């Protein structure tokens, strides 16, 4: 004899409920992992951004003290050159200063250590360039780093003749304008 039951299996509903349950668990897991990744990425980027400040050596200022100016007319101009530059052209950096008591003070902030050359000139007419007579002789007084001057037999200034080495700390050099 067979026993008949009115009980219907609910197995068709269980997988559906299980699937919904799995979906909710997976959704929660994905959101948790995404949030964790965002937090970790932000933390790593914050640390990475702060590392160069500790790893890089500080750059030092270069102070140029120029003397020998015969008047206060116009301004003094200092030109900074890098290796390979033509020191008769425009400098990579140029700074203008007021002349007081025959002297001018220039500052090139946060220069990396390395080799440089400096040319200082008295821009009497404030046109921003070194004026010349015939045959390229300078009309305006000039001064050079490394103690270079322009007598008849030393030739034109070159980077090699004006070269000095700047370190990681503040450095002061003196230039006499003639």
Protein backbone atom coordinates (compact mmCIF):
# COMPACT_ATOMS: atom_id res chain seq x y z
CA UNK A 1 0.00 0.00 0.00
CA UNK A 2 1.17 3.40 -0.92
CA UNK A 3 0.87 6.31 1.35
CA UNK A 4 0.05 9.51 -0.33
CA UNK A 5 1.07 12.70 1.21
CA UNK A 6 -0.16 16.16 0.54
CA UNK A 7 3.27 17.42 1.42
CA UNK A 8 4.85 19.20 -1.52
CA UNK A 9 8.62 19.43 -1.52
CA UNK A 10 9.89 23.00 -1.11
CA UNK A 11 13.14 22.30 -2.80
CA UNK A 12 12.25 24.62 -5.65
CA UNK A 13 12.05 27.49 -3.18
CA UNK A 14 15.30 26.71 -1.35
CA UNK A 15 17.64 27.26 -4.26
CA UNK A 16 15.92 30.56 -4.95
CA UNK A 17 16.28 31.62 -1.32
CA UNK A 18 19.84 30.29 -1.33
CA UNK A 19 20.61 32.23 -4.49
CA UNK A 20 19.26 35.42 -2.95
CA UNK A 21 21.24 34.71 0.17
CA UNK A 22 24.39 34.10 -1.91
CA UNK A 23 23.72 37.28 -3.85
CA UNK A 24 23.43 39.32 -0.66
CA UNK A 25 26.60 37.80 0.79
CA UNK A 26 28.49 38.36 -2.48
CA UNK A 27 27.23 41.95 -2.72
CA UNK A 28 28.35 42.66 0.84
CA UNK A 29 31.73 41.03 0.19
CA UNK A 30 32.28 43.07 -3.03
CA UNK A 31 31.43 46.32 -1.27
CA UNK A 32 33.73 45.46 1.66
CA UNK A 33 36.62 44.56 -0.64
CA UNK A 34 36.10 47.72 -2.71
CA UNK A 35 36.10 49.91 0.40
CA UNK A 36 39.20 48.14 1.71
CA UNK A 37 40.99 48.66 -1.62
CA UNK A 38 40.11 52.36 -1.63
CA UNK A 39 41.38 52.79 1.93
CA UNK A 40 44.60 50.88 1.27
CA UNK A 41 45.25 52.77 -1.98
CA UNK A 42 44.73 56.10 -0.22
CA UNK A 43 47.07 55.07 2.59
CA UNK A 44 49.77 53.93 0.15
CA UNK A 45 49.47 57.14 -1.90
CA UNK A 46 49.73 59.27 1.23
CA UNK A 47 52.91 57.48 2.27
CA UNK A 48 54.36 57.63 -1.25
CA UNK A 49 53.70 61.37 -1.47
CA UNK A 50 55.60 61.99 1.74
CA UNK A 51 58.65 59.87 0.80
CA UNK A 52 60.36 62.27 -1.65
CA UNK A 53 60.43 64.94 1.04
CA UNK A 54 62.57 62.65 3.16
CA UNK A 55 64.60 61.05 0.37
CA UNK A 56 65.68 64.16 -1.57
CA UNK A 57 68.56 66.25 -0.33
CA UNK A 58 67.64 69.88 0.25
CA UNK A 59 68.77 72.36 -2.35
CA UNK A 60 70.80 75.33 -1.15
CA UNK A 61 70.46 78.99 -2.05
CA UNK A 62 73.19 80.76 -3.98
CA UNK A 63 73.89 84.32 -2.82
CA UNK A 64 75.91 86.56 -5.16
CA UNK A 65 77.50 89.65 -3.60
CA UNK A 66 78.53 92.05 -6.34
CA UNK A 67 80.69 95.12 -5.71
CA UNK A 68 82.48 97.78 -7.74
CA UNK A 69 79.48 99.66 -9.14
CA UNK A 70 80.42 103.29 -9.82
CA UNK A 71 76.87 104.69 -9.80
CA UNK A 72 73.34 103.80 -8.71
CA UNK A 73 71.85 104.55 -12.15
CA UNK A 74 69.94 101.60 -13.61
CA UNK A 75 70.07 98.16 -12.02
CA UNK A 76 72.48 95.31 -11.50
CA UNK A 77 71.65 92.04 -13.28
CA UNK A 78 73.03 88.59 -12.46
CA UNK A 79 72.80 85.77 -14.99
CA UNK A 80 73.15 82.12 -13.96
CA UNK A 81 74.46 79.53 -16.44
CA UNK A 82 74.55 75.73 -16.55
CA UNK A 83 77.27 73.49 -18.06
CA UNK A 84 77.31 73.78 -21.84
CA UNK A 85 75.68 77.23 -21.88
CA UNK A 86 77.22 80.12 -23.80
CA UNK A 87 77.91 82.76 -21.12
CA UNK A 88 77.66 85.51 -23.73
CA UNK A 89 73.92 84.75 -24.19
CA UNK A 90 70.93 85.04 -21.87
CA UNK A 91 71.26 83.10 -18.62
CA UNK A 92 69.06 80.18 -17.59
CA UNK A 93 68.01 82.39 -14.69
CA UNK A 94 68.38 86.15 -14.37
CA UNK A 95 67.89 88.28 -11.28
CA UNK A 96 67.73 92.08 -11.11
CA UNK A 97 68.81 94.04 -8.01
CA UNK A 98 69.03 97.63 -6.85
CA UNK A 99 72.51 99.10 -6.42
CA UNK A 100 73.24 100.59 -2.99
CA UNK A 101 76.60 102.02 -1.94
CA UNK A 102 78.34 100.46 -4.94
CA UNK A 103 77.03 96.97 -4.09
CA UNK A 104 74.20 94.64 -5.13
CA UNK A 105 72.96 91.41 -3.61
CA UNK A 106 71.36 88.58 -5.60
CA UNK A 107 69.73 85.36 -4.51
CA UNK A 108 69.10 82.23 -6.57
CA UNK A 109 66.81 80.15 -4.35
CA UNK A 110 66.95 76.36 -3.95
CA UNK A 111 69.63 75.54 -6.53
CA UNK A 112 70.48 71.88 -6.92
CA UNK A 113 74.09 70.99 -6.28
CA UNK A 114 76.24 71.13 -9.38
CA UNK A 115 78.43 73.34 -11.53
CA UNK A 116 77.34 76.86 -12.44
CA UNK A 117 78.71 80.13 -13.82
CA UNK A 118 77.59 83.69 -13.03
CA UNK A 119 77.88 86.93 -15.01
CA UNK A 120 76.90 90.22 -13.35
CA UNK A 121 76.52 93.46 -15.27
CA UNK A 122 75.51 97.04 -14.54
CA UNK A 123 72.49 97.69 -16.75
CA UNK A 124 72.92 101.47 -16.75
CA UNK A 125 70.11 102.17 -19.24
CA UNK A 126 67.76 99.44 -17.87
CA UNK A 127 67.26 97.76 -21.24
CA UNK A 128 67.98 94.25 -19.89
CA UNK A 129 70.95 93.47 -22.14
CA UNK A 130 74.68 94.12 -22.08
CA UNK A 131 75.34 97.00 -24.46
CA UNK A 132 78.49 96.88 -26.62
CA UNK A 133 80.82 99.19 -28.53
CA UNK A 134 82.25 98.26 -31.90
CA UNK A 135 84.06 94.91 -32.01
CA UNK A 136 81.85 93.49 -29.23
CA UNK A 137 83.62 95.36 -26.43
CA UNK A 138 81.17 95.78 -23.53
CA UNK A 139 79.90 99.31 -22.83
CA UNK A 140 78.52 98.40 -19.41
CA UNK A 141 80.61 97.19 -16.47
CA UNK A 142 80.84 93.39 -16.06
CA UNK A 143 81.83 90.96 -13.33
CA UNK A 144 82.31 87.18 -13.45
CA UNK A 145 82.33 84.23 -11.10
CA UNK A 146 85.58 82.40 -10.36
CA UNK A 147 87.50 85.70 -10.32
CA UNK A 148 87.63 85.97 -14.12
CA UNK A 149 88.30 89.38 -15.69
CA UNK A 150 88.71 90.53 -19.29
CA UNK A 151 92.28 91.66 -19.85
CA UNK A 152 93.62 91.67 -23.42
CA UNK A 153 95.11 88.16 -23.39
CA UNK A 154 92.58 86.04 -21.45
CA UNK A 155 90.07 85.86 -24.30
CA UNK A 156 86.32 85.84 -24.06
CA UNK A 157 84.62 84.34 -21.02
CA UNK A 158 83.46 80.73 -21.31
CA UNK A 159 81.57 78.50 -18.95
CA UNK A 160 84.76 76.61 -18.15
CA UNK A 161 86.57 79.83 -17.16
CA UNK A 162 83.68 80.96 -14.90
CA UNK A 163 82.77 77.54 -13.44
CA UNK A 164 82.25 77.03 -9.71
CA UNK A 165 80.66 74.15 -7.80
CA UNK A 166 77.56 74.74 -5.70
CA UNK A 167 76.82 72.35 -2.84
CA UNK A 168 73.65 71.35 -1.00
CA UNK A 169 73.85 74.20 1.52
CA UNK A 170 73.63 77.95 1.12
CA UNK A 171 76.68 79.39 -0.59
CA UNK A 172 77.86 82.97 -1.08
CA UNK A 173 80.19 84.02 -3.89
CA UNK A 174 81.70 87.44 -4.53
CA UNK A 175 81.89 89.14 -7.91
CA UNK A 176 83.66 92.40 -8.68
CA UNK A 177 82.22 94.52 -11.49
CA UNK A 178 84.76 96.44 -13.58
